[in-house]
Amino acid sequence: MDNESRVIHAKDLLNNPIFNEAFDVLKKDLLNRWDSSGSPEVEARESIWLAMRLLDRVHNHITSIVETGRMADILDKQHPFI
């Protein structure tokens, strides 16, 4: 898949309400599970924390594809011969 297609697909994902709802629901669920965990449940809280970080990383990766595409467009317009 070329970069232009990647940017288009990434934008579509970020603008998709179901996609965003899934991230929101998962994040809220993880926060609720973390908040309701007891003090002896250290391993469970660490797993929840890791899941939250991974969720953020996936979203950030998709966002970075879009932002990188925007940067490439700007560079192409400012310096079309580079």
PDB file of N, CA and C in Angstrom:
ATOM      1  N   MET A   1       0.848  -1.174   0.000  1.00  0.00           N
ATOM      2  CA  MET A   1       0.000   0.000   0.000  1.00  0.00           C
ATOM      3  C   MET A   1       0.894   1.238   0.000  1.00  0.00           C
ATOM      4  N   ASP A   2       0.609   2.155  -0.884  1.00  0.00           N
ATOM      5  CA  ASP A   2       1.417   3.372  -0.951  1.00  0.00           C
ATOM      6  C   ASP A   2       1.037   4.333   0.187  1.00  0.00           C
ATOM      7  N   ASN A   3       1.881   5.336   0.392  1.00  0.00           N
ATOM      8  CA  ASN A   3       1.679   6.266   1.503  1.00  0.00           C
ATOM      9  C   ASN A   3       0.368   7.028   1.400  1.00  0.00           C
ATOM     10  N   GLU A   4      -0.001   7.418   0.197  1.00  0.00           N
ATOM     11  CA  GLU A   4      -1.240   8.172   0.014  1.00  0.00           C
ATOM     12  C   GLU A   4      -2.447   7.344   0.453  1.00  0.00           C
ATOM     13  N   SER A   5      -2.442   6.073   0.105  1.00  0.00           N
ATOM     14  CA  SER A   5      -3.534   5.178   0.509  1.00  0.00           C
ATOM     15  C   SER A   5      -3.550   4.975   2.014  1.00  0.00           C
ATOM     16  N   ARG A   6      -2.364   4.854   2.597  1.00  0.00           N
ATOM     17  CA  ARG A   6      -2.269   4.696   4.059  1.00  0.00           C
ATOM     18  C   ARG A   6      -2.878   5.896   4.771  1.00  0.00           C
ATOM     19  N   VAL A   7      -2.569   7.094   4.269  1.00  0.00           N
ATOM     20  CA  VAL A   7      -3.099   8.311   4.882  1.00  0.00           C
ATOM     21  C   VAL A   7      -4.621   8.342   4.768  1.00  0.00           C
ATOM     22  N   ILE A   8      -5.131   8.004   3.609  1.00  0.00           N
ATOM     23  CA  ILE A   8      -6.583   8.003   3.398  1.00  0.00           C
ATOM     24  C   ILE A   8      -7.261   7.008   4.336  1.00  0.00           C
ATOM     25  N   HIS A   9      -6.717   5.808   4.433  1.00  0.00           N
ATOM     26  CA  HIS A   9      -7.302   4.791   5.313  1.00  0.00           C
ATOM     27  C   HIS A   9      -7.207   5.206   6.782  1.00  0.00           C
ATOM     28  N   ALA A  10      -6.087   5.791   7.166  1.00  0.00           N
ATOM     29  CA  ALA A  10      -5.919   6.239   8.547  1.00  0.00           C
ATOM     30  C   ALA A  10      -6.913   7.353   8.882  1.00  0.00           C
ATOM     31  N   LYS A  11      -7.099   8.297   7.949  1.00  0.00           N
ATOM     32  CA  LYS A  11      -8.083   9.369   8.153  1.00  0.00           C
ATOM     33  C   LYS A  11      -9.486   8.788   8.291  1.00  0.00           C
ATOM     34  N   ASP A  12      -9.791   7.819   7.434  1.00  0.00           N
ATOM     35  CA  ASP A  12     -11.112   7.188   7.503  1.00  0.00           C
ATOM     36  C   ASP A  12     -11.339   6.549   8.873  1.00  0.00           C
ATOM     37  N   LEU A  13     -10.314   5.879   9.376  1.00  0.00           N
ATOM     38  CA  LEU A  13     -10.439   5.269  10.704  1.00  0.00           C
ATOM     39  C   LEU A  13     -10.672   6.323  11.780  1.00  0.00           C
ATOM     40  N   LEU A  14      -9.862   7.368  11.765  1.00  0.00           N
ATOM     41  CA  LEU A  14      -9.964   8.395  12.808  1.00  0.00           C
ATOM     42  C   LEU A  14     -11.276   9.165  12.733  1.00  0.00           C
ATOM     43  N   ASN A  15     -11.901   9.201  11.559  1.00  0.00           N
ATOM     44  CA  ASN A  15     -13.181   9.884  11.402  1.00  0.00           C
ATOM     45  C   ASN A  15     -14.377   8.946  11.559  1.00  0.00           C
ATOM     46  N   ASN A  16     -14.106   7.672  11.782  1.00  0.00           N
ATOM     47  CA  ASN A  16     -15.171   6.691  11.912  1.00  0.00           C
ATOM     48  C   ASN A  16     -15.712   6.682  13.348  1.00  0.00           C
ATOM     49  N   PRO A  17     -16.996   6.996  13.538  1.00  0.00           N
ATOM     50  CA  PRO A  17     -17.550   7.061  14.886  1.00  0.00           C
ATOM     51  C   PRO A  17     -17.492   5.724  15.634  1.00  0.00           C
ATOM     52  N   ILE A  18     -17.670   4.617  14.932  1.00  0.00           N
ATOM     53  CA  ILE A  18     -17.609   3.309  15.589  1.00  0.00           C
ATOM     54  C   ILE A  18     -16.192   3.017  16.071  1.00  0.00           C
ATOM     55  N   PHE A  19     -15.210   3.356  15.261  1.00  0.00           N
ATOM     56  CA  PHE A  19     -13.810   3.179  15.641  1.00  0.00           C
ATOM     57  C   PHE A  19     -13.499   3.989  16.899  1.00  0.00           C
ATOM     58  N   ASN A  20     -13.907   5.254  16.902  1.00  0.00           N
ATOM     59  CA  ASN A  20     -13.649   6.107  18.061  1.00  0.00           C
ATOM     60  C   ASN A  20     -14.431   5.652  19.286  1.00  0.00           C
ATOM     61  N   GLU A  21     -15.652   5.194  19.065  1.00  0.00           N
ATOM     62  CA  GLU A  21     -16.452   4.665  20.174  1.00  0.00           C
ATOM     63  C   GLU A  21     -15.770   3.450  20.794  1.00  0.00           C
ATOM     64  N   ALA A  22     -15.213   2.590  19.954  1.00  0.00           N
ATOM     65  CA  ALA A  22     -14.527   1.405  20.461  1.00  0.00           C
ATOM     66  C   ALA A  22     -13.360   1.797  21.361  1.00  0.00           C
ATOM     67  N   PHE A  23     -12.568   2.772  20.928  1.00  0.00           N
ATOM     68  CA  PHE A  23     -11.452   3.224  21.755  1.00  0.00           C
ATOM     69  C   PHE A  23     -11.947   3.823  23.065  1.00  0.00           C
ATOM     70  N   ASP A  24     -13.000   4.643  22.988  1.00  0.00           N
ATOM     71  CA  ASP A  24     -13.538   5.274  24.192  1.00  0.00           C
ATOM     72  C   ASP A  24     -14.093   4.245  25.175  1.00  0.00           C
ATOM     73  N   VAL A  25     -14.855   3.282  24.658  1.00  0.00           N
ATOM     74  CA  VAL A  25     -15.450   2.260  25.507  1.00  0.00           C
ATOM     75  C   VAL A  25     -14.364   1.403  26.163  1.00  0.00           C
ATOM     76  N   LEU A  26     -13.383   0.998  25.367  1.00  0.00           N
ATOM     77  CA  LEU A  26     -12.300   0.183  25.921  1.00  0.00           C
ATOM     78  C   LEU A  26     -11.529   0.944  26.992  1.00  0.00           C
ATOM     79  N   LYS A  27     -11.240   2.211  26.729  1.00  0.00           N
ATOM     80  CA  LYS A  27     -10.481   3.002  27.690  1.00  0.00           C
ATOM     81  C   LYS A  27     -11.270   3.192  28.994  1.00  0.00           C
ATOM     82  N   LYS A  28     -12.567   3.494  28.876  1.00  0.00           N
ATOM     83  CA  LYS A  28     -13.405   3.654  30.065  1.00  0.00           C
ATOM     84  C   LYS A  28     -13.491   2.354  30.846  1.00  0.00           C
ATOM     85  N   ASP A  29     -13.648   1.236  30.132  1.00  0.00           N
ATOM     86  CA  ASP A  29     -13.710  -0.067  30.793  1.00  0.00           C
ATOM     87  C   ASP A  29     -12.416  -0.358  31.541  1.00  0.00           C
ATOM     88  N   LEU A  30     -11.298  -0.094  30.899  1.00  0.00           N
ATOM     89  CA  LEU A  30     -10.013  -0.335  31.556  1.00  0.00           C
ATOM     90  C   LEU A  30      -9.840   0.565  32.777  1.00  0.00           C
ATOM     91  N   LEU A  31     -10.221   1.834  32.650  1.00  0.00           N
ATOM     92  CA  LEU A  31     -10.124   2.755  33.796  1.00  0.00           C
ATOM     93  C   LEU A  31     -11.025   2.306  34.949  1.00  0.00           C
ATOM     94  N   ASN A  32     -12.236   1.851  34.620  1.00  0.00           N
ATOM     95  CA  ASN A  32     -13.144   1.358  35.663  1.00  0.00           C
ATOM     96  C   ASN A  32     -12.584   0.121  36.353  1.00  0.00           C
ATOM     97  N   ARG A  33     -12.014  -0.785  35.565  1.00  0.00           N
ATOM     98  CA  ARG A  33     -11.419  -1.996  36.148  1.00  0.00           C
ATOM     99  C   ARG A  33     -10.225  -1.649  37.023  1.00  0.00           C
ATOM    100  N   TRP A  34      -9.436  -0.685  36.574  1.00  0.00           N
ATOM    101  CA  TRP A  34      -8.262  -0.261  37.344  1.00  0.00           C
ATOM    102  C   TRP A  34      -8.705   0.403  38.642  1.00  0.00           C
ATOM    103  N   ASP A  35      -9.715   1.271  38.532  1.00  0.00           N
ATOM    104  CA  ASP A  35     -10.224   2.001  39.694  1.00  0.00           C
ATOM    105  C   ASP A  35     -10.859   1.072  40.725  1.00  0.00           C
ATOM    106  N   SER A  36     -11.508   0.010  40.269  1.00  0.00           N
ATOM    107  CA  SER A  36     -12.185  -0.890  41.202  1.00  0.00           C
ATOM    108  C   SER A  36     -11.301  -2.030  41.695  1.00  0.00           C
ATOM    109  N   SER A  37     -10.059  -2.076  41.247  1.00  0.00           N
ATOM    110  CA  SER A  37      -9.165  -3.145  41.702  1.00  0.00           C
ATOM    111  C   SER A  37      -8.721  -2.865  43.143  1.00  0.00           C
ATOM    112  N   GLY A  38      -8.515  -3.928  43.871  1.00  0.00           N
ATOM    113  CA  GLY A  38      -8.084  -3.810  45.262  1.00  0.00           C
ATOM    114  C   GLY A  38      -6.573  -3.678  45.365  1.00  0.00           C
ATOM    115  N   SER A  39      -6.121  -3.249  46.518  1.00  0.00           N
ATOM    116  CA  SER A  39      -4.679  -3.036  46.710  1.00  0.00           C
ATOM    117  C   SER A  39      -3.831  -4.288  46.519  1.00  0.00           C
ATOM    118  N   PRO A  40      -4.327  -5.503  46.847  1.00  0.00           N
ATOM    119  CA  PRO A  40      -3.479  -6.682  46.597  1.00  0.00           C
ATOM    120  C   PRO A  40      -3.418  -7.120  45.136  1.00  0.00           C
ATOM    121  N   GLU A  41      -4.191  -6.493  44.272  1.00  0.00           N
ATOM    122  CA  GLU A  41      -4.260  -6.894  42.862  1.00  0.00           C
ATOM    123  C   GLU A  41      -3.250  -6.144  42.003  1.00  0.00           C
ATOM    124  N   VAL A  42      -2.001  -6.219  42.392  1.00  0.00           N
ATOM    125  CA  VAL A  42      -0.943  -5.478  41.707  1.00  0.00           C
ATOM    126  C   VAL A  42      -0.782  -5.959  40.267  1.00  0.00           C
ATOM    127  N   GLU A  43      -0.754  -7.265  40.067  1.00  0.00           N
ATOM    128  CA  GLU A  43      -0.574  -7.800  38.712  1.00  0.00           C
ATOM    129  C   GLU A  43      -1.738  -7.411  37.793  1.00  0.00           C
ATOM    130  N   ALA A  44      -2.938  -7.422  38.323  1.00  0.00           N
ATOM    131  CA  ALA A  44      -4.107  -7.041  37.518  1.00  0.00           C
ATOM    132  C   ALA A  44      -3.998  -5.580  37.116  1.00  0.00           C
ATOM    133  N   ARG A  45      -3.620  -4.705  38.048  1.00  0.00           N
ATOM    134  CA  ARG A  45      -3.487  -3.283  37.720  1.00  0.00           C
ATOM    135  C   ARG A  45      -2.373  -3.053  36.709  1.00  0.00           C
ATOM    136  N   GLU A  46      -1.285  -3.792  36.825  1.00  0.00           N
ATOM    137  CA  GLU A  46      -0.197  -3.648  35.853  1.00  0.00           C
ATOM    138  C   GLU A  46      -0.640  -4.101  34.467  1.00  0.00           C
ATOM    139  N   SER A  47      -1.429  -5.154  34.391  1.00  0.00           N
ATOM    140  CA  SER A  47      -1.956  -5.622  33.097  1.00  0.00           C
ATOM    141  C   SER A  47      -2.909  -4.593  32.503  1.00  0.00           C
ATOM    142  N   ILE A  48      -3.736  -4.006  33.349  1.00  0.00           N
ATOM    143  CA  ILE A  48      -4.664  -2.979  32.880  1.00  0.00           C
ATOM    144  C   ILE A  48      -3.888  -1.760  32.394  1.00  0.00           C
ATOM    145  N   TRP A  49      -2.880  -1.373  33.131  1.00  0.00           N
ATOM    146  CA  TRP A  49      -2.048  -0.222  32.739  1.00  0.00           C
ATOM    147  C   TRP A  49      -1.400  -0.495  31.381  1.00  0.00           C
ATOM    148  N   LEU A  50      -0.873  -1.701  31.214  1.00  0.00           N
ATOM    149  CA  LEU A  50      -0.249  -2.067  29.945  1.00  0.00           C
ATOM    150  C   LEU A  50      -1.267  -2.026  28.805  1.00  0.00           C
ATOM    151  N   ALA A  51      -2.466  -2.534  29.049  1.00  0.00           N
ATOM    152  CA  ALA A  51      -3.508  -2.512  28.023  1.00  0.00           C
ATOM    153  C   ALA A  51      -3.863  -1.073  27.641  1.00  0.00           C
ATOM    154  N   MET A  52      -3.924  -0.185  28.612  1.00  0.00           N
ATOM    155  CA  MET A  52      -4.214   1.224  28.328  1.00  0.00           C
ATOM    156  C   MET A  52      -3.110   1.854  27.496  1.00  0.00           C
ATOM    157  N   ARG A  53      -1.869   1.552  27.819  1.00  0.00           N
ATOM    158  CA  ARG A  53      -0.747   2.089  27.040  1.00  0.00           C
ATOM    159  C   ARG A  53      -0.773   1.564  25.614  1.00  0.00           C
ATOM    160  N   LEU A  54      -1.075   0.286  25.442  1.00  0.00           N
ATOM    161  CA  LEU A  54      -1.134  -0.299  24.105  1.00  0.00           C
ATOM    162  C   LEU A  54      -2.267   0.318  23.287  1.00  0.00           C
ATOM    163  N   LEU A  55      -3.394   0.554  23.926  1.00  0.00           N
ATOM    164  CA  LEU A  55      -4.510   1.207  23.259  1.00  0.00           C
ATOM    165  C   LEU A  55      -4.098   2.593  22.774  1.00  0.00           C
ATOM    166  N   ASP A  56      -3.394   3.338  23.629  1.00  0.00           N
ATOM    167  CA  ASP A  56      -2.887   4.660  23.248  1.00  0.00           C
ATOM    168  C   ASP A  56      -1.889   4.567  22.094  1.00  0.00           C
ATOM    169  N   ARG A  57      -1.018   3.562  22.141  1.00  0.00           N
ATOM    170  CA  ARG A  57      -0.011   3.418  21.088  1.00  0.00           C
ATOM    171  C   ARG A  57      -0.641   3.135  19.735  1.00  0.00           C
ATOM    172  N   VAL A  58      -1.676   2.301  19.716  1.00  0.00           N
ATOM    173  CA  VAL A  58      -2.360   2.002  18.454  1.00  0.00           C
ATOM    174  C   VAL A  58      -2.981   3.276  17.886  1.00  0.00           C
ATOM    175  N   HIS A  59      -3.684   4.019  18.749  1.00  0.00           N
ATOM    176  CA  HIS A  59      -4.325   5.257  18.298  1.00  0.00           C
ATOM    177  C   HIS A  59      -3.277   6.269  17.844  1.00  0.00           C
ATOM    178  N   ASN A  60      -2.201   6.394  18.593  1.00  0.00           N
ATOM    179  CA  ASN A  60      -1.133   7.337  18.230  1.00  0.00           C
ATOM    180  C   ASN A  60      -0.461   6.948  16.916  1.00  0.00           C
ATOM    181  N   HIS A  61      -0.325   5.670  16.662  1.00  0.00           N
ATOM    182  CA  HIS A  61       0.289   5.227  15.415  1.00  0.00           C
ATOM    183  C   HIS A  61      -0.577   5.629  14.217  1.00  0.00           C
ATOM    184  N   ILE A  62      -1.867   5.402  14.342  1.00  0.00           N
ATOM    185  CA  ILE A  62      -2.778   5.771  13.253  1.00  0.00           C
ATOM    186  C   ILE A  62      -2.767   7.280  13.051  1.00  0.00           C
ATOM    187  N   THR A  63      -2.768   8.035  14.154  1.00  0.00           N
ATOM    188  CA  THR A  63      -2.705   9.496  14.076  1.00  0.00           C
ATOM    189  C   THR A  63      -1.406   9.945  13.420  1.00  0.00           C
ATOM    190  N   SER A  64      -0.301   9.283  13.735  1.00  0.00           N
ATOM    191  CA  SER A  64       0.989   9.681  13.157  1.00  0.00           C
ATOM    192  C   SER A  64       1.031   9.446  11.654  1.00  0.00           C
ATOM    193  N   ILE A  65       0.325   8.440  11.167  1.00  0.00           N
ATOM    194  CA  ILE A  65       0.261   8.203   9.721  1.00  0.00           C
ATOM    195  C   ILE A  65      -0.387   9.403   9.034  1.00  0.00           C
ATOM    196  N   VAL A  66      -1.468   9.894   9.629  1.00  0.00           N
ATOM    197  CA  VAL A  66      -2.161  11.059   9.063  1.00  0.00           C
ATOM    198  C   VAL A  66      -1.265  12.289   9.134  1.00  0.00           C
ATOM    199  N   GLU A  67      -0.644  12.521  10.279  1.00  0.00           N
ATOM    200  CA  GLU A  67       0.198  13.707  10.447  1.00  0.00           C
ATOM    201  C   GLU A  67       1.417  13.670   9.538  1.00  0.00           C
ATOM    202  N   THR A  68       2.006  12.500   9.363  1.00  0.00           N
ATOM    203  CA  THR A  68       3.145  12.367   8.467  1.00  0.00           C
ATOM    204  C   THR A  68       2.725  12.661   7.030  1.00  0.00           C
ATOM    205  N   GLY A  69       1.532  12.220   6.654  1.00  0.00           N
ATOM    206  CA  GLY A  69       1.007  12.512   5.327  1.00  0.00           C
ATOM    207  C   GLY A  69       0.794  14.000   5.126  1.00  0.00           C
ATOM    208  N   ARG A  70       0.304  14.680   6.165  1.00  0.00           N
ATOM    209  CA  ARG A  70       0.121  16.133   6.078  1.00  0.00           C
ATOM    210  C   ARG A  70       1.463  16.835   5.912  1.00  0.00           C
ATOM    211  N   MET A  71       2.454  16.374   6.667  1.00  0.00           N
ATOM    212  CA  MET A  71       3.786  16.976   6.576  1.00  0.00           C
ATOM    213  C   MET A  71       4.355  16.786   5.178  1.00  0.00           C
ATOM    214  N   ALA A  72       4.161  15.611   4.607  1.00  0.00           N
ATOM    215  CA  ALA A  72       4.658  15.348   3.248  1.00  0.00           C
ATOM    216  C   ALA A  72       3.970  16.267   2.242  1.00  0.00           C
ATOM    217  N   ASP A  73       2.669  16.478   2.417  1.00  0.00           N
ATOM    218  CA  ASP A  73       1.941  17.391   1.516  1.00  0.00           C
ATOM    219  C   ASP A  73       2.490  18.810   1.616  1.00  0.00           C
ATOM    220  N   ILE A  74       2.740  19.258   2.827  1.00  0.00           N
ATOM    221  CA  ILE A  74       3.279  20.609   3.038  1.00  0.00           C
ATOM    222  C   ILE A  74       4.647  20.744   2.382  1.00  0.00           C
ATOM    223  N   LEU A  75       5.497  19.748   2.594  1.00  0.00           N
ATOM    224  CA  LEU A  75       6.834  19.783   1.987  1.00  0.00           C
ATOM    225  C   LEU A  75       6.760  19.774   0.467  1.00  0.00           C
ATOM    226  N   ASP A  76       5.843  18.973  -0.075  1.00  0.00           N
ATOM    227  CA  ASP A  76       5.687  18.930  -1.539  1.00  0.00           C
ATOM    228  C   ASP A  76       5.251  20.275  -2.082  1.00  0.00           C
ATOM    229  N   LYS A  77       4.392  20.973  -1.367  1.00  0.00           N
ATOM    230  CA  LYS A  77       3.911  22.284  -1.830  1.00  0.00           C
ATOM    231  C   LYS A  77       4.988  23.363  -1.687  1.00  0.00           C
ATOM    232  N   GLN A  78       5.745  23.300  -0.604  1.00  0.00           N
ATOM    233  CA  GLN A  78       6.772  24.307  -0.370  1.00  0.00           C
ATOM    234  C   GLN A  78       8.023  24.070  -1.192  1.00  0.00           C
ATOM    235  N   HIS A  79       8.358  22.806  -1.369  1.00  0.00           N
ATOM    236  CA  HIS A  79       9.583  22.438  -2.081  1.00  0.00           C
ATOM    237  C   HIS A  79       9.282  21.312  -3.068  1.00  0.00           C
ATOM    238  N   PRO A  80       8.609  21.609  -4.160  1.00  0.00           N
ATOM    239  CA  PRO A  80       8.157  20.549  -5.067  1.00  0.00           C
ATOM    240  C   PRO A  80       9.282  19.790  -5.769  1.00  0.00           C
ATOM    241  N   PHE A  81      10.489  20.339  -5.767  1.00  0.00           N
ATOM    242  CA  PHE A  81      11.575  19.683  -6.495  1.00  0.00           C
ATOM    243  C   PHE A  81      12.541  18.933  -5.595  1.00  0.00           C
ATOM    244  N   ILE A  82      12.214  18.868  -4.300  1.00  0.00           N
ATOM    245  CA  ILE A  82      13.107  18.143  -3.373  1.00  0.00           C
ATOM    246  C   ILE A  82      12.705  16.701  -3.324  1.00  0.00           C
TER     247      ILE A  82
END
